[in-house]
Protein backbone atom coordinates (compact mmCIF):
# COMPACT_ATOMS: atom_id res chain seq x y z
CA MET A 1 14.41 150.44 93.03
CA LEU A 2 11.51 152.95 93.65
CA VAL A 3 11.24 154.20 90.26
CA LYS A 4 11.88 152.52 86.87
CA ASN A 5 11.69 154.14 83.62
CA GLY A 6 9.61 157.26 84.69
CA LYS A 7 7.17 154.71 86.70
CA ILE A 8 6.79 154.57 90.43
CA LEU A 9 7.08 151.07 91.67
CA GLU A 10 4.17 151.18 94.33
CA ASP A 11 5.03 147.68 95.65
CA ASN A 12 8.31 148.90 96.37
CA LEU A 13 7.60 151.98 98.17
CA LYS A 14 4.90 149.89 100.47
CA LYS A 15 7.65 147.49 101.09
CA GLU A 16 9.87 149.98 101.93
CA HIS A 17 7.39 151.82 103.93
CA ILE A 18 7.73 155.42 101.91
CA ASN A 19 4.82 157.30 100.77
CA THR A 20 4.26 159.36 97.58
CA ASP A 21 4.91 162.63 99.37
CA GLU A 22 8.23 161.44 100.86
CA LEU A 23 9.51 160.08 97.48
CA LEU A 24 8.54 163.07 95.44
CA ALA A 25 10.51 165.26 98.16
CA GLN A 26 13.56 162.96 98.07
CA LEU A 27 13.57 163.26 93.75
CA ARG A 28 13.25 167.00 94.50
CA LEU A 29 15.88 166.90 96.54
CA LYS A 30 17.97 165.57 93.58
CA ASN A 31 16.58 168.06 91.37
CA MET A 32 14.07 166.06 89.78
CA PHE A 33 10.93 167.51 89.90
CA LYS A 34 8.94 164.95 87.50
CA VAL A 35 8.77 161.52 87.76
CA ALA A 36 8.52 160.86 84.03
CA ASP A 37 12.12 162.25 83.90
CA VAL A 38 13.47 159.51 86.29
CA GLU A 39 15.26 156.73 84.26
CA PHE A 40 15.54 154.91 87.95
CA ALA A 41 15.37 155.73 91.59
CA ILE A 42 17.23 153.01 93.85
CA LEU A 43 16.80 153.62 97.85
CA GLU A 44 20.67 152.74 98.90
CA THR A 45 21.07 150.52 102.20
CA ASN A 46 22.01 154.14 104.09
CA GLY A 47 18.41 155.61 103.21
CA GLN A 48 19.36 157.95 100.53
CA LEU A 49 18.22 157.88 97.01
CA SER A 50 20.02 157.38 93.96
CA VAL A 51 18.82 159.00 91.19
CA MET A 52 19.46 158.51 87.53
CA PRO A 53 17.66 161.40 85.08
CA LYS A 54 16.92 159.81 81.55
CA LYS A 55 19.26 160.94 78.82
CA ASP A 56 17.15 163.70 77.75
CA ALA A 57 16.79 165.20 81.22
CA GLN A 58 20.33 165.12 81.83
CA PRO A 59 22.39 168.30 81.61
CA VAL A 60 24.63 169.33 78.93
CA THR A 61 28.62 169.01 79.68
CA VAL A 62 31.53 170.16 78.38
CA LYS A 63 32.08 166.52 76.90
CA ASP A 64 28.77 166.56 75.36
CA LEU A 65 29.93 169.70 73.39
CA GLN A 66 32.71 168.20 72.84
CA LEU A 67 35.10 170.99 73.72
CA ASN A 68 38.52 170.66 75.32
CA LEU A 69 38.44 173.15 78.33
CA PRO A 70 41.68 173.83 80.22
CA ALA A 71 41.58 172.66 84.23
CA GLU A 72 39.61 175.08 86.53
CA VAL A 73 41.94 176.91 88.31
CA GLU A 74 41.18 177.93 92.32
CA PRO A 75 40.34 181.77 92.53
CA GLU A 76 43.08 183.69 94.61
CA THR A 77 41.09 185.62 97.69
CA VAL A 78 42.64 188.97 97.03
CA ILE A 79 40.51 190.89 99.62
CA MET A 80 39.34 190.24 103.00
CA ASP A 81 37.59 192.20 105.39
CA GLY A 82 38.23 195.41 103.38
CA GLN A 83 42.12 194.40 103.53
CA VAL A 84 44.43 193.64 100.25
CA LEU A 85 46.30 190.23 100.71
CA LEU A 86 49.06 191.10 98.89
CA ASP A 87 50.43 187.40 98.74
CA PRO A 88 47.25 186.10 96.40
CA LEU A 89 47.15 189.12 94.42
CA ARG A 90 50.71 188.63 93.29
CA ALA A 91 49.93 184.67 92.69
CA SER A 92 47.15 185.75 90.62
CA GLY A 93 49.44 187.61 88.37
CA ARG A 94 47.57 191.04 89.29
CA THR A 95 49.22 194.46 91.02
CA ALA A 96 47.86 196.64 93.54
CA GLN A 97 47.75 199.18 91.13
CA TRP A 98 45.30 196.96 88.98
CA LEU A 99 43.02 196.26 91.76
CA ASP A 100 42.51 199.88 92.59
CA THR A 101 41.75 200.38 89.06
CA GLU A 102 39.01 197.63 89.39
CA LEU A 103 37.48 198.84 92.34
CA LYS A 104 37.57 202.69 90.59
CA LYS A 105 35.44 200.79 87.64
CA THR A 106 33.07 199.26 89.69
CA GLY A 107 32.96 202.49 92.17
CA VAL A 108 33.21 200.65 95.30
CA LYS A 109 35.85 201.36 98.28
CA LEU A 110 38.02 198.75 99.44
CA GLU A 111 36.60 199.11 102.80
CA ASN A 112 32.94 198.09 101.91
CA VAL A 113 34.65 195.05 100.36
CA PHE A 114 34.37 191.89 102.99
CA LEU A 115 35.69 189.56 100.06
CA GLY A 116 37.17 189.77 96.69
CA GLN A 117 38.56 187.08 94.53
CA VAL A 118 39.82 186.99 91.20
CA ASP A 119 39.33 183.87 88.76
CA ASP A 120 41.84 182.46 86.76
CA LYS A 121 40.21 184.91 83.76
CA GLY A 122 41.32 188.04 85.59
CA ALA A 123 37.95 188.74 86.57
CA LEU A 124 37.11 190.24 90.25
CA TYR A 125 34.53 188.89 92.08
CA LEU A 126 32.99 191.28 94.99
CA ASP A 127 31.20 190.28 97.85
CA LEU A 128 29.92 193.71 99.91
CA TYR A 129 29.15 194.14 103.66
CA ASN A 130 26.28 196.00 102.59
CA ASP A 131 24.20 193.38 100.43
CA GLN A 132 21.37 196.03 99.35
CA LEU A 133 24.49 197.57 97.29
CA GLN A 134 24.61 196.21 93.70
CA VAL A 135 28.17 195.76 92.08
CA PRO A 136 27.68 196.38 88.44
CA GLN A 137 28.74 193.45 86.15
CA PRO A 138 31.43 193.59 83.88
CA SER A 139 31.13 193.38 80.39
CA GLU A 140 33.72 191.03 79.65
CA ASN A 141 30.91 188.71 78.86
CA GLN A 142 29.58 191.05 76.05
CA LEU A 143 32.85 191.45 74.73
CA LEU A 144 33.87 187.82 74.80
CA LEU A 145 30.56 187.02 73.04
CA ALA A 146 30.66 189.91 70.45
CA THR A 147 34.59 188.22 69.67
CA LEU A 148 33.30 185.03 68.87
CA LYS A 149 30.10 186.23 67.19
CA LYS A 150 33.34 188.18 64.84
CA CYS A 151 35.38 185.25 64.59
CA GLN A 152 32.33 183.08 63.21
CA ALA A 153 31.67 185.62 60.70
CA ASP A 154 35.22 185.97 59.77
CA PHE A 155 35.05 182.14 59.35
CA GLU A 156 32.19 182.13 56.83
CA MET A 157 33.71 184.96 54.87
CA PHE A 158 37.05 183.01 54.45
CA ALA A 159 34.59 180.34 53.27
CA LEU A 160 33.08 182.70 50.64
CA GLU A 161 36.50 184.30 49.53
CA THR A 162 38.49 181.26 48.74
CA GLN A 163 38.43 178.93 45.73
CA ASN A 164 40.08 176.13 47.27
CA LYS A 165 37.41 173.54 47.80
CA GLU A 166 38.90 171.93 50.58
CA ALA A 167 39.75 174.97 52.33
CA LYS A 168 36.07 176.66 51.75
CA ARG A 169 34.65 173.34 53.70
CA LEU A 170 36.80 173.12 56.38
CA TYR A 171 36.13 177.12 57.03
CA SER A 172 32.46 176.25 56.54
CA LYS A 173 32.79 173.45 59.40
CA ALA A 174 34.55 175.67 61.65
CA ALA A 175 31.75 178.58 61.33
CA ASP A 176 29.11 175.99 61.75
CA LYS A 177 31.08 174.70 65.20
CA LEU A 178 31.42 177.88 66.29
CA GLN A 179 27.79 179.09 65.69
CA HIS A 180 26.76 175.56 67.80
CA THR A 181 29.05 176.95 70.44
CA ILE A 182 27.77 180.54 70.68
CA GLU A 183 24.33 179.23 70.79
CA GLN A 184 25.38 177.30 73.95
CA VAL A 185 27.16 179.67 75.59
CA ASN A 186 25.02 182.64 74.78
CA PRO A 187 22.94 182.42 77.83
CA TYR A 188 25.83 182.32 79.87
CA LEU A 189 27.76 185.27 78.38
CA ARG A 190 24.16 187.83 78.26
């Protein structure tokens, strides 16, 4: 063990012939830039460093938010080297007309597209040959955020309007949970 509870174990570093710069570099490779955030770091027999961040330094997960999300579905590559791939396009549940409309929305010509993928939510990702061209980001994220906020406001309104105490409690609880979710996903939807 080289780090325990945010403290470097200097004797173990010397024993393993590792200097402080090497340790810090290995921690940075594990996205740990502050030693104080490390619960423990162990030098494995293969020379790799295994790092466990402290609880308050760990990234938030879907499980932490107690959300039940569907399994991730592999995106379909629908354009490659400026050519439409019809079978994957059909597999994504989209048509050539839909693809043409999406390309027109972004102002990108098919021959300028190096790679195009459709995710399970129907969003089209485009990678262009000319990396200097900017592809406008779709506004679906902003629409989703607005819809979530409207739902949250509706729950609050239902809670205010009902006379049933149990329904009032349930609507208020749903509004609070949705507000918490909105706060969590807001940075990703802006």
